[in-house]
Amino acid sequence: MSVKIKLEVSLANEGTAEPWWFIIDPKQNMDCNVYMAANQITGPFFSREEGQRVLENRRHHYSRRAVVFCGSACYTHQYSKAYREAEKKASK
């Protein structure tokens, strides 16, 4: 089963193809524990502003090293296709 969702995604993409943003809060992970690494990431967000707003509003949940980071979803077929089509429509 699947559902279709409609998202508003920022075109201010920081030079990254098919961007998405996340909060990364780096913590010591000496034993390369994947679960600990996964807990250091919050997102996805579909604009830097959205991620920054969450980080500021919930600052007490994160360390002082937490930042909003822009990643690329260029290997995700569904998101990449939808983003490129929306980008074309927006440029017209």
Protein backbone atom coordinates (compact mmCIF):
# COMPACT_ATOMS: atom_id res chain seq x y z
CA MET A 1 0.00 0.00 0.00
CA SER A 2 1.23 3.53 -0.69
CA VAL A 3 0.00 7.09 -0.38
CA LYS A 4 0.68 10.13 -2.48
CA ILE A 5 1.78 13.30 -0.72
CA LYS A 6 2.25 16.82 -1.99
CA LEU A 7 5.26 18.78 -0.69
CA GLU A 8 6.55 22.30 -1.10
CA VAL A 9 10.31 22.05 -1.64
CA SER A 10 12.75 24.94 -1.67
CA LEU A 11 14.51 25.68 -4.96
CA ALA A 12 17.34 27.36 -3.02
CA ASN A 13 19.37 24.21 -3.35
CA GLU A 14 22.91 25.22 -2.40
CA GLY A 15 24.29 23.64 -5.57
CA THR A 16 22.95 20.19 -4.70
CA ALA A 17 20.81 18.11 -7.04
CA GLU A 18 17.36 17.26 -5.65
CA PRO A 19 18.07 18.74 -2.21
CA TRP A 20 16.72 17.79 1.16
CA TRP A 21 17.90 19.08 4.50
CA PHE A 22 18.51 17.45 7.84
CA ILE A 23 19.82 18.31 11.27
CA ILE A 24 23.04 16.53 12.08
CA ASP A 25 24.12 16.47 15.71
CA PRO A 26 27.55 14.81 15.78
CA LYS A 27 28.36 12.78 18.86
CA GLN A 28 31.27 10.53 19.64
CA ASN A 29 30.74 7.20 17.90
CA MET A 30 33.98 5.32 18.46
CA ASP A 31 32.55 1.85 17.76
CA CYS A 32 30.78 2.84 14.49
CA ASN A 33 27.39 1.91 15.89
CA VAL A 34 24.81 2.43 13.12
CA TYR A 35 21.97 3.01 15.59
CA MET A 36 23.90 5.76 17.34
CA ALA A 37 24.74 7.34 13.96
CA ALA A 38 21.07 7.23 12.91
CA ASN A 39 20.07 8.99 16.14
CA GLN A 40 22.33 11.89 15.19
CA ILE A 41 20.11 12.77 12.19
CA THR A 42 16.72 14.52 12.25
CA GLY A 43 14.79 15.06 9.04
CA PRO A 44 14.02 15.18 6.22
CA PHE A 45 13.16 18.83 5.76
CA PHE A 46 12.36 20.33 2.37
CA SER A 47 13.98 23.72 2.91
CA ARG A 48 16.92 25.00 4.93
CA GLU A 49 14.51 27.41 6.64
CA GLU A 50 12.30 24.56 7.87
CA GLY A 51 15.28 22.66 9.29
CA GLN A 52 16.68 25.82 10.88
CA ARG A 53 13.31 26.62 12.46
CA VAL A 54 13.11 23.15 14.04
CA LEU A 55 16.69 23.41 15.30
CA GLU A 56 16.03 26.84 16.84
CA ASN A 57 12.66 25.89 18.35
CA ARG A 58 14.02 22.68 19.88
CA ARG A 59 17.56 23.80 20.57
CA HIS A 60 17.45 22.14 24.01
CA HIS A 61 17.21 18.74 22.25
CA TYR A 62 20.52 19.20 20.44
CA SER A 63 24.16 19.80 21.33
CA ARG A 64 25.88 23.06 20.45
CA ARG A 65 27.48 21.28 17.45
CA ALA A 66 24.16 20.54 15.72
CA VAL A 67 23.75 22.13 12.27
CA VAL A 68 21.35 22.00 9.34
CA PHE A 69 22.97 20.22 6.40
CA CYS A 70 21.88 19.98 2.77
CA GLY A 71 22.01 16.53 1.20
CA SER A 72 21.20 15.27 -2.28
CA ALA A 73 18.48 12.81 -3.17
CA CYS A 74 19.86 12.35 -6.69
CA TYR A 75 19.81 8.56 -6.33
CA THR A 76 16.17 8.49 -5.25
CA HIS A 77 14.18 8.04 -8.46
CA GLN A 78 10.75 9.14 -7.20
CA TYR A 79 11.94 12.28 -5.42
CA SER A 80 14.42 13.23 -8.18
CA LYS A 81 11.79 12.93 -10.89
CA ALA A 82 9.19 14.89 -8.94
CA TYR A 83 11.71 17.59 -8.02
CA ARG A 84 12.94 18.04 -11.62
CA GLU A 85 9.38 18.21 -12.98
CA ALA A 86 8.38 20.80 -10.36
CA GLU A 87 11.55 22.79 -11.02
CA LYS A 88 10.72 22.91 -14.77
CA LYS A 89 7.18 24.14 -14.02
CA ALA A 90 8.50 26.81 -11.64
CA SER A 91 10.96 28.15 -14.21
CA LYS A 92 8.23 28.76 -16.82
